[in-house]
């Protein structure tokens, strides 16, 4: 980061949003806001260490999801979707 003029932080930042999406041609962005519990259940199958250290994994998932906006929706083209996503996030935080 410093090599391009940035400053590395030293304090952890909270997760602002968790996005659960997949590409589907022609899909419309219809964001569904999930609860913390629903979000954790959605992320759980992708949590590799859950088999080896379930207590730690669940603690990390809870920390990740608490206070975050958890959004689920299919998406179409990534370039067009990026603008929709940024607008959605900005409008949720204003």
PDB file of N, CA and C in Angstrom:
ATOM      1  N   UNK A   1       0.812  -1.186   0.000  1.00  0.00           N
ATOM      2  CA  UNK A   1       0.000   0.000   0.000  1.00  0.00           C
ATOM      3  C   UNK A   1       0.865   1.263   0.000  1.00  0.00           C
ATOM      4  N   UNK A   2       1.928   1.254   0.793  1.00  0.00           N
ATOM      5  CA  UNK A   2       2.793   2.424   0.860  1.00  0.00           C
ATOM      6  C   UNK A   2       3.439   2.730  -0.489  1.00  0.00           C
ATOM      7  N   UNK A   3       3.655   1.679  -1.290  1.00  0.00           N
ATOM      8  CA  UNK A   3       4.317   1.860  -2.582  1.00  0.00           C
ATOM      9  C   UNK A   3       3.488   2.692  -3.556  1.00  0.00           C
ATOM     10  N   UNK A   4       2.193   2.824  -3.301  1.00  0.00           N
ATOM     11  CA  UNK A   4       1.342   3.647  -4.171  1.00  0.00           C
ATOM     12  C   UNK A   4       0.813   4.881  -3.437  1.00  0.00           C
ATOM     13  N   UNK A   5       1.450   5.214  -2.315  1.00  0.00           N
ATOM     14  CA  UNK A   5       1.105   6.437  -1.618  1.00  0.00           C
ATOM     15  C   UNK A   5       0.109   6.279  -0.486  1.00  0.00           C
ATOM     16  N   UNK A   6      -0.295   5.069  -0.183  1.00  0.00           N
ATOM     17  CA  UNK A   6      -1.257   4.837   0.895  1.00  0.00           C
ATOM     18  C   UNK A   6      -0.571   4.710   2.240  1.00  0.00           C
ATOM     19  N   UNK A   7      -1.370   4.677   3.271  1.00  0.00           N
ATOM     20  CA  UNK A   7      -0.858   4.499   4.624  1.00  0.00           C
ATOM     21  C   UNK A   7      -1.516   3.250   5.199  1.00  0.00           C
ATOM     22  N   UNK A   8      -0.713   2.314   5.635  1.00  0.00           N
ATOM     23  CA  UNK A   8      -1.232   1.083   6.216  1.00  0.00           C
ATOM     24  C   UNK A   8      -1.807   1.368   7.593  1.00  0.00           C
ATOM     25  N   UNK A   9      -2.964   0.825   7.849  1.00  0.00           N
ATOM     26  CA  UNK A   9      -3.581   0.975   9.158  1.00  0.00           C
ATOM     27  C   UNK A   9      -3.062  -0.072  10.122  1.00  0.00           C
ATOM     28  N   UNK A  10      -3.260   0.167  11.392  1.00  0.00           N
ATOM     29  CA  UNK A  10      -2.830  -0.803  12.390  1.00  0.00           C
ATOM     30  C   UNK A  10      -4.000  -1.305  13.229  1.00  0.00           C
ATOM     31  N   UNK A  11      -5.125  -0.596  13.177  1.00  0.00           N
ATOM     32  CA  UNK A  11      -6.285  -1.008  13.957  1.00  0.00           C
ATOM     33  C   UNK A  11      -7.266  -1.776  13.070  1.00  0.00           C
ATOM     34  N   UNK A  12      -7.905  -2.804  13.636  1.00  0.00           N
ATOM     35  CA  UNK A  12      -8.885  -3.551  12.836  1.00  0.00           C
ATOM     36  C   UNK A  12     -10.114  -2.686  12.551  1.00  0.00           C
ATOM     37  N   UNK A  13     -10.723  -2.919  11.406  1.00  0.00           N
ATOM     38  CA  UNK A  13     -11.938  -2.216  11.027  1.00  0.00           C
ATOM     39  C   UNK A  13     -13.105  -3.191  11.055  1.00  0.00           C
ATOM     40  N   UNK A  14     -14.285  -2.734  11.434  1.00  0.00           N
ATOM     41  CA  UNK A  14     -15.439  -3.629  11.411  1.00  0.00           C
ATOM     42  C   UNK A  14     -15.861  -3.913   9.969  1.00  0.00           C
ATOM     43  N   UNK A  15     -16.483  -5.051   9.766  1.00  0.00           N
ATOM     44  CA  UNK A  15     -17.019  -5.402   8.455  1.00  0.00           C
ATOM     45  C   UNK A  15     -18.252  -4.549   8.225  1.00  0.00           C
ATOM     46  N   UNK A  16     -18.309  -3.852   7.088  1.00  0.00           N
ATOM     47  CA  UNK A  16     -19.449  -3.000   6.779  1.00  0.00           C
ATOM     48  C   UNK A  16     -20.563  -3.728   6.064  1.00  0.00           C
ATOM     49  N   UNK A  17     -20.179  -4.662   5.171  1.00  0.00           N
ATOM     50  CA  UNK A  17     -21.178  -5.397   4.419  1.00  0.00           C
ATOM     51  C   UNK A  17     -20.637  -6.764   4.027  1.00  0.00           C
ATOM     52  N   UNK A  18     -21.528  -7.734   4.056  1.00  0.00           N
ATOM     53  CA  UNK A  18     -21.242  -9.067   3.557  1.00  0.00           C
ATOM     54  C   UNK A  18     -22.176  -9.261   2.369  1.00  0.00           C
ATOM     55  N   UNK A  19     -21.604  -9.555   1.215  1.00  0.00           N
ATOM     56  CA  UNK A  19     -22.381  -9.721  -0.004  1.00  0.00           C
ATOM     57  C   UNK A  19     -22.372 -11.181  -0.421  1.00  0.00           C
ATOM     58  N   UNK A  20     -23.558 -11.747  -0.522  1.00  0.00           N
ATOM     59  CA  UNK A  20     -23.720 -13.124  -0.971  1.00  0.00           C
ATOM     60  C   UNK A  20     -24.370 -13.060  -2.340  1.00  0.00           C
ATOM     61  N   UNK A  21     -23.601 -13.368  -3.378  1.00  0.00           N
ATOM     62  CA  UNK A  21     -24.104 -13.220  -4.738  1.00  0.00           C
ATOM     63  C   UNK A  21     -23.476 -14.248  -5.646  1.00  0.00           C
ATOM     64  N   UNK A  22     -24.095 -14.423  -6.787  1.00  0.00           N
ATOM     65  CA  UNK A  22     -23.532 -15.250  -7.842  1.00  0.00           C
ATOM     66  C   UNK A  22     -24.038 -14.721  -9.171  1.00  0.00           C
ATOM     67  N   UNK A  23     -23.253 -14.962 -10.212  1.00  0.00           N
ATOM     68  CA  UNK A  23     -23.624 -14.496 -11.542  1.00  0.00           C
ATOM     69  C   UNK A  23     -24.753 -15.349 -12.110  1.00  0.00           C
ATOM     70  N   UNK A  24     -25.750 -14.672 -12.643  1.00  0.00           N
ATOM     71  CA  UNK A  24     -26.810 -15.304 -13.415  1.00  0.00           C
ATOM     72  C   UNK A  24     -27.146 -14.342 -14.545  1.00  0.00           C
ATOM     73  N   UNK A  25     -26.986 -14.804 -15.778  1.00  0.00           N
ATOM     74  CA  UNK A  25     -27.257 -13.947 -16.932  1.00  0.00           C
ATOM     75  C   UNK A  25     -28.681 -13.413 -16.858  1.00  0.00           C
ATOM     76  N   UNK A  26     -28.814 -12.104 -17.003  1.00  0.00           N
ATOM     77  CA  UNK A  26     -30.121 -11.458 -16.985  1.00  0.00           C
ATOM     78  C   UNK A  26     -30.723 -11.247 -15.612  1.00  0.00           C
ATOM     79  N   UNK A  27     -29.981 -11.584 -14.549  1.00  0.00           N
ATOM     80  CA  UNK A  27     -30.504 -11.439 -13.186  1.00  0.00           C
ATOM     81  C   UNK A  27     -30.722  -9.969 -12.846  1.00  0.00           C
ATOM     82  N   UNK A  28     -31.719  -9.711 -12.060  1.00  0.00           N
ATOM     83  CA  UNK A  28     -32.001  -8.364 -11.550  1.00  0.00           C
ATOM     84  C   UNK A  28     -31.515  -8.276 -10.110  1.00  0.00           C
ATOM     85  N   UNK A  29     -30.952  -7.150  -9.773  1.00  0.00           N
ATOM     86  CA  UNK A  29     -30.471  -6.877  -8.405  1.00  0.00           C
ATOM     87  C   UNK A  29     -31.679  -6.632  -7.531  1.00  0.00           C
ATOM     88  N   UNK A  30     -31.987  -7.606  -6.674  1.00  0.00           N
ATOM     89  CA  UNK A  30     -33.087  -7.506  -5.717  1.00  0.00           C
ATOM     90  C   UNK A  30     -32.519  -7.854  -4.344  1.00  0.00           C
ATOM     91  N   UNK A  31     -31.868  -6.892  -3.712  1.00  0.00           N
ATOM     92  CA  UNK A  31     -31.169  -7.198  -2.463  1.00  0.00           C
ATOM     93  C   UNK A  31     -32.112  -7.622  -1.344  1.00  0.00           C
ATOM     94  N   UNK A  32     -31.799  -8.748  -0.770  1.00  0.00           N
ATOM     95  CA  UNK A  32     -32.520  -9.256   0.392  1.00  0.00           C
ATOM     96  C   UNK A  32     -31.593  -9.056   1.588  1.00  0.00           C
ATOM     97  N   UNK A  33     -32.042  -8.287   2.567  1.00  0.00           N
ATOM     98  CA  UNK A  33     -31.254  -8.059   3.778  1.00  0.00           C
ATOM     99  C   UNK A  33     -31.471  -9.249   4.714  1.00  0.00           C
ATOM    100  N   UNK A  34     -30.381  -9.883   5.114  1.00  0.00           N
ATOM    101  CA  UNK A  34     -30.454 -11.037   6.001  1.00  0.00           C
ATOM    102  C   UNK A  34     -30.144 -10.633   7.438  1.00  0.00           C
ATOM    103  N   UNK A  35     -30.663 -11.395   8.370  1.00  0.00           N
ATOM    104  CA  UNK A  35     -30.304 -11.199   9.770  1.00  0.00           C
ATOM    105  C   UNK A  35     -28.890 -11.724   9.988  1.00  0.00           C
ATOM    106  N   UNK A  36     -28.315 -11.425  11.132  1.00  0.00           N
ATOM    107  CA  UNK A  36     -26.991 -11.942  11.461  1.00  0.00           C
ATOM    108  C   UNK A  36     -26.977 -13.466  11.387  1.00  0.00           C
ATOM    109  N   UNK A  37     -27.976 -14.096  11.983  1.00  0.00           N
ATOM    110  CA  UNK A  37     -28.054 -15.560  11.980  1.00  0.00           C
ATOM    111  C   UNK A  37     -28.192 -16.131  10.582  1.00  0.00           C
ATOM    112  N   UNK A  38     -29.061 -15.536   9.768  1.00  0.00           N
ATOM    113  CA  UNK A  38     -29.237 -16.000   8.388  1.00  0.00           C
ATOM    114  C   UNK A  38     -27.931 -15.862   7.603  1.00  0.00           C
ATOM    115  N   UNK A  39     -27.244 -14.750   7.808  1.00  0.00           N
ATOM    116  CA  UNK A  39     -25.978 -14.530   7.118  1.00  0.00           C
ATOM    117  C   UNK A  39     -24.932 -15.552   7.504  1.00  0.00           C
ATOM    118  N   UNK A  40     -24.843 -15.851   8.786  1.00  0.00           N
ATOM    119  CA  UNK A  40     -23.873 -16.851   9.250  1.00  0.00           C
ATOM    120  C   UNK A  40     -24.202 -18.209   8.645  1.00  0.00           C
ATOM    121  N   UNK A  41     -25.467 -18.577   8.607  1.00  0.00           N
ATOM    122  CA  UNK A  41     -25.861 -19.862   8.018  1.00  0.00           C
ATOM    123  C   UNK A  41     -25.492 -19.919   6.540  1.00  0.00           C
ATOM    124  N   UNK A  42     -25.641 -18.804   5.828  1.00  0.00           N
ATOM    125  CA  UNK A  42     -25.285 -18.758   4.404  1.00  0.00           C
ATOM    126  C   UNK A  42     -23.772 -18.889   4.186  1.00  0.00           C
ATOM    127  N   UNK A  43     -22.979 -18.316   5.077  1.00  0.00           N
ATOM    128  CA  UNK A  43     -21.519 -18.325   4.933  1.00  0.00           C
ATOM    129  C   UNK A  43     -20.905 -19.628   5.451  1.00  0.00           C
ATOM    130  N   UNK A  44     -21.579 -20.287   6.357  1.00  0.00           N
ATOM    131  CA  UNK A  44     -21.051 -21.486   7.013  1.00  0.00           C
ATOM    132  C   UNK A  44     -20.519 -22.559   6.055  1.00  0.00           C
ATOM    133  N   UNK A  45     -21.219 -22.896   4.978  1.00  0.00           N
ATOM    134  CA  UNK A  45     -20.682 -23.938   4.081  1.00  0.00           C
ATOM    135  C   UNK A  45     -19.352 -23.558   3.411  1.00  0.00           C
ATOM    136  N   UNK A  46     -19.016 -22.278   3.405  1.00  0.00           N
ATOM    137  CA  UNK A  46     -17.774 -21.808   2.785  1.00  0.00           C
ATOM    138  C   UNK A  46     -16.671 -21.583   3.818  1.00  0.00           C
ATOM    139  N   UNK A  47     -16.936 -21.954   5.057  1.00  0.00           N
ATOM    140  CA  UNK A  47     -15.993 -21.741   6.154  1.00  0.00           C
ATOM    141  C   UNK A  47     -15.185 -23.019   6.359  1.00  0.00           C
ATOM    142  N   UNK A  48     -14.051 -23.093   5.700  1.00  0.00           N
ATOM    143  CA  UNK A  48     -13.235 -24.309   5.695  1.00  0.00           C
ATOM    144  C   UNK A  48     -12.821 -24.759   7.102  1.00  0.00           C
ATOM    145  N   UNK A  49     -12.352 -23.858   7.978  1.00  0.00           N
ATOM    146  CA  UNK A  49     -11.868 -24.334   9.276  1.00  0.00           C
ATOM    147  C   UNK A  49     -12.956 -24.818  10.237  1.00  0.00           C
ATOM    148  N   UNK A  50     -14.227 -24.739   9.854  1.00  0.00           N
ATOM    149  CA  UNK A  50     -15.312 -25.130  10.759  1.00  0.00           C
ATOM    150  C   UNK A  50     -15.156 -26.590  11.203  1.00  0.00           C
ATOM    151  N   UNK A  51     -14.612 -27.434  10.343  1.00  0.00           N
ATOM    152  CA  UNK A  51     -14.443 -28.855  10.681  1.00  0.00           C
ATOM    153  C   UNK A  51     -13.345 -29.089  11.709  1.00  0.00           C
ATOM    154  N   UNK A  52     -12.353 -28.218  11.709  1.00  0.00           N
ATOM    155  CA  UNK A  52     -11.198 -28.420  12.566  1.00  0.00           C
ATOM    156  C   UNK A  52     -11.257 -27.601  13.844  1.00  0.00           C
ATOM    157  N   UNK A  53     -11.929 -26.452  13.774  1.00  0.00           N
ATOM    158  CA  UNK A  53     -12.008 -25.569  14.932  1.00  0.00           C
ATOM    159  C   UNK A  53     -13.352 -24.838  14.919  1.00  0.00           C
ATOM    160  N   UNK A  54     -14.434 -25.570  15.196  1.00  0.00           N
ATOM    161  CA  UNK A  54     -15.760 -24.969  15.091  1.00  0.00           C
ATOM    162  C   UNK A  54     -15.993 -23.804  16.051  1.00  0.00           C
ATOM    163  N   UNK A  55     -15.483 -23.887  17.254  1.00  0.00           N
ATOM    164  CA  UNK A  55     -15.700 -22.811  18.228  1.00  0.00           C
ATOM    165  C   UNK A  55     -15.083 -21.502  17.745  1.00  0.00           C
ATOM    166  N   UNK A  56     -13.843 -21.566  17.291  1.00  0.00           N
ATOM    167  CA  UNK A  56     -13.162 -20.380  16.781  1.00  0.00           C
ATOM    168  C   UNK A  56     -13.855 -19.870  15.520  1.00  0.00           C
ATOM    169  N   UNK A  57     -14.215 -20.771  14.617  1.00  0.00           N
ATOM    170  CA  UNK A  57     -14.862 -20.382  13.362  1.00  0.00           C
ATOM    171  C   UNK A  57     -16.176 -19.648  13.616  1.00  0.00           C
ATOM    172  N   UNK A  58     -16.977 -20.166  14.520  1.00  0.00           N
ATOM    173  CA  UNK A  58     -18.259 -19.512  14.830  1.00  0.00           C
ATOM    174  C   UNK A  58     -18.041 -18.157  15.487  1.00  0.00           C
ATOM    175  N   UNK A  59     -17.003 -18.035  16.314  1.00  0.00           N
ATOM    176  CA  UNK A  59     -16.694 -16.753  16.936  1.00  0.00           C
ATOM    177  C   UNK A  59     -16.309 -15.724  15.866  1.00  0.00           C
ATOM    178  N   UNK A  60     -15.493 -16.139  14.904  1.00  0.00           N
ATOM    179  CA  UNK A  60     -15.079 -15.237  13.822  1.00  0.00           C
ATOM    180  C   UNK A  60     -16.296 -14.839  12.981  1.00  0.00           C
ATOM    181  N   UNK A  61     -17.143 -15.804  12.640  1.00  0.00           N
ATOM    182  CA  UNK A  61     -18.339 -15.500  11.849  1.00  0.00           C
ATOM    183  C   UNK A  61     -19.264 -14.538  12.588  1.00  0.00           C
ATOM    184  N   UNK A  62     -19.429 -14.727  13.877  1.00  0.00           N
ATOM    185  CA  UNK A  62     -20.272 -13.830  14.671  1.00  0.00           C
ATOM    186  C   UNK A  62     -19.695 -12.421  14.681  1.00  0.00           C
ATOM    187  N   UNK A  63     -18.384 -12.318  14.855  1.00  0.00           N
ATOM    188  CA  UNK A  63     -17.726 -11.010  14.840  1.00  0.00           C
ATOM    189  C   UNK A  63     -17.880 -10.348  13.474  1.00  0.00           C
ATOM    190  N   UNK A  64     -17.703 -11.137  12.417  1.00  0.00           N
ATOM    191  CA  UNK A  64     -17.820 -10.627  11.055  1.00  0.00           C
ATOM    192  C   UNK A  64     -19.223 -10.101  10.790  1.00  0.00           C
ATOM    193  N   UNK A  65     -20.220 -10.836  11.213  1.00  0.00           N
ATOM    194  CA  UNK A  65     -21.599 -10.510  10.849  1.00  0.00           C
ATOM    195  C   UNK A  65     -22.257  -9.477  11.751  1.00  0.00           C
ATOM    196  N   UNK A  66     -21.794  -9.340  12.966  1.00  0.00           N
ATOM    197  CA  UNK A  66     -22.414  -8.402  13.900  1.00  0.00           C
ATOM    198  C   UNK A  66     -22.151  -6.971  13.454  1.00  0.00           C
ATOM    199  N   UNK A  67     -23.208  -6.240  13.213  1.00  0.00           N
ATOM    200  CA  UNK A  67     -23.090  -4.848  12.794  1.00  0.00           C
ATOM    201  C   UNK A  67     -22.945  -4.651  11.301  1.00  0.00           C
ATOM    202  N   UNK A  68     -22.792  -5.744  10.560  1.00  0.00           N
ATOM    203  CA  UNK A  68     -22.641  -5.632   9.103  1.00  0.00           C
ATOM    204  C   UNK A  68     -24.005  -5.721   8.429  1.00  0.00           C
ATOM    205  N   UNK A  69     -24.129  -5.109   7.280  1.00  0.00           N
ATOM    206  CA  UNK A  69     -25.288  -5.315   6.425  1.00  0.00           C
ATOM    207  C   UNK A  69     -25.004  -6.605   5.662  1.00  0.00           C
ATOM    208  N   UNK A  70     -25.902  -7.569   5.750  1.00  0.00           N
ATOM    209  CA  UNK A  70     -25.713  -8.834   5.051  1.00  0.00           C
ATOM    210  C   UNK A  70     -26.758  -8.886   3.941  1.00  0.00           C
ATOM    211  N   UNK A  71     -26.274  -8.935   2.704  1.00  0.00           N
ATOM    212  CA  UNK A  71     -27.135  -8.804   1.533  1.00  0.00           C
ATOM    213  C   UNK A  71     -26.977 -10.019   0.634  1.00  0.00           C
ATOM    214  N   UNK A  72     -28.113 -10.508   0.138  1.00  0.00           N
ATOM    215  CA  UNK A  72     -28.091 -11.646  -0.776  1.00  0.00           C
ATOM    216  C   UNK A  72     -28.922 -11.318  -2.008  1.00  0.00           C
ATOM    217  N   UNK A  73     -28.349 -11.565  -3.180  1.00  0.00           N
ATOM    218  CA  UNK A  73     -29.061 -11.372  -4.439  1.00  0.00           C
ATOM    219  C   UNK A  73     -28.209 -11.902  -5.575  1.00  0.00           C
ATOM    220  N   UNK A  74     -28.846 -12.475  -6.594  1.00  0.00           N
ATOM    221  CA  UNK A  74     -28.074 -12.794  -7.795  1.00  0.00           C
ATOM    222  C   UNK A  74     -27.695 -11.501  -8.500  1.00  0.00           C
ATOM    223  N   UNK A  75     -26.750 -11.585  -9.422  1.00  0.00           N
ATOM    224  CA  UNK A  75     -26.325 -10.399 -10.158  1.00  0.00           C
ATOM    225  C   UNK A  75     -26.058 -10.754 -11.611  1.00  0.00           C
ATOM    226  N   UNK A  76     -26.075  -9.737 -12.449  1.00  0.00           N
ATOM    227  CA  UNK A  76     -25.720  -9.898 -13.856  1.00  0.00           C
ATOM    228  C   UNK A  76     -24.281  -9.416 -14.024  1.00  0.00           C
ATOM    229  N   UNK A  77     -23.980  -8.710 -15.053  1.00  0.00           N
ATOM    230  CA  UNK A  77     -22.647  -8.227 -15.387  1.00  0.00           C
ATOM    231  C   UNK A  77     -21.981  -7.504 -14.212  1.00  0.00           C
ATOM    232  N   UNK A  78     -20.753  -7.884 -13.889  1.00  0.00           N
ATOM    233  CA  UNK A  78     -20.052  -7.335 -12.722  1.00  0.00           C
ATOM    234  C   UNK A  78     -19.813  -5.837 -12.826  1.00  0.00           C
ATOM    235  N   UNK A  79     -19.479  -5.338 -14.014  1.00  0.00           N
ATOM    236  CA  UNK A  79     -19.189  -3.912 -14.164  1.00  0.00           C
ATOM    237  C   UNK A  79     -20.425  -3.066 -13.858  1.00  0.00           C
ATOM    238  N   UNK A  80     -21.570  -3.452 -14.384  1.00  0.00           N
ATOM    239  CA  UNK A  80     -22.807  -2.719 -14.101  1.00  0.00           C
ATOM    240  C   UNK A  80     -23.243  -2.920 -12.657  1.00  0.00           C
ATOM    241  N   UNK A  81     -23.036  -4.125 -12.162  1.00  0.00           N
ATOM    242  CA  UNK A  81     -23.440  -4.435 -10.796  1.00  0.00           C
ATOM    243  C   UNK A  81     -22.657  -3.630  -9.766  1.00  0.00           C
ATOM    244  N   UNK A  82     -21.388  -3.390 -10.034  1.00  0.00           N
ATOM    245  CA  UNK A  82     -20.555  -2.648  -9.093  1.00  0.00           C
ATOM    246  C   UNK A  82     -21.161  -1.292  -8.762  1.00  0.00           C
ATOM    247  N   UNK A  83     -21.676  -0.599  -9.759  1.00  0.00           N
ATOM    248  CA  UNK A  83     -22.301   0.708  -9.522  1.00  0.00           C
ATOM    249  C   UNK A  83     -23.555   0.568  -8.672  1.00  0.00           C
ATOM    250  N   UNK A  84     -24.386  -0.436  -8.969  1.00  0.00           N
ATOM    251  CA  UNK A  84     -25.596  -0.672  -8.180  1.00  0.00           C
ATOM    252  C   UNK A  84     -25.244  -0.969  -6.726  1.00  0.00           C
ATOM    253  N   UNK A  85     -24.228  -1.788  -6.535  1.00  0.00           N
ATOM    254  CA  UNK A  85     -23.825  -2.169  -5.187  1.00  0.00           C
ATOM    255  C   UNK A  85     -23.305  -0.978  -4.396  1.00  0.00           C
ATOM    256  N   UNK A  86     -22.460  -0.182  -5.009  1.00  0.00           N
ATOM    257  CA  UNK A  86     -21.929   0.994  -4.310  1.00  0.00           C
ATOM    258  C   UNK A  86     -23.045   1.979  -3.963  1.00  0.00           C
ATOM    259  N   UNK A  87     -23.975   2.192  -4.865  1.00  0.00           N
ATOM    260  CA  UNK A  87     -25.120   3.065  -4.577  1.00  0.00           C
ATOM    261  C   UNK A  87     -25.959   2.506  -3.449  1.00  0.00           C
ATOM    262  N   UNK A  88     -26.209   1.217  -3.463  1.00  0.00           N
ATOM    263  CA  UNK A  88     -26.990   0.565  -2.406  1.00  0.00           C
ATOM    264  C   UNK A  88     -26.319   0.771  -1.053  1.00  0.00           C
ATOM    265  N   UNK A  89     -25.025   0.497  -0.992  1.00  0.00           N
ATOM    266  CA  UNK A  89     -24.291   0.619   0.265  1.00  0.00           C
ATOM    267  C   UNK A  89     -24.262   2.068   0.748  1.00  0.00           C
ATOM    268  N   UNK A  90     -24.000   2.996  -0.169  1.00  0.00           N
ATOM    269  CA  UNK A  90     -23.971   4.419   0.202  1.00  0.00           C
ATOM    270  C   UNK A  90     -25.323   4.868   0.747  1.00  0.00           C
ATOM    271  N   UNK A  91     -26.415   4.454   0.117  1.00  0.00           N
ATOM    272  CA  UNK A  91     -27.755   4.848   0.558  1.00  0.00           C
ATOM    273  C   UNK A  91     -28.127   4.216   1.886  1.00  0.00           C
ATOM    274  N   UNK A  92     -27.617   3.031   2.189  1.00  0.00           N
ATOM    275  CA  UNK A  92     -27.899   2.372   3.470  1.00  0.00           C
ATOM    276  C   UNK A  92     -27.142   3.062   4.601  1.00  0.00           C
ATOM    277  N   UNK A  93     -26.027   3.689   4.302  1.00  0.00           N
ATOM    278  CA  UNK A  93     -25.181   4.288   5.332  1.00  0.00           C
ATOM    279  C   UNK A  93     -25.374   5.791   5.467  1.00  0.00           C
ATOM    280  N   UNK A  94     -26.315   6.350   4.771  1.00  0.00           N
ATOM    281  CA  UNK A  94     -26.570   7.809   4.897  1.00  0.00           C
ATOM    282  C   UNK A  94     -27.769   8.076   5.764  1.00  0.00           C
TER     283      UNK A  94
END
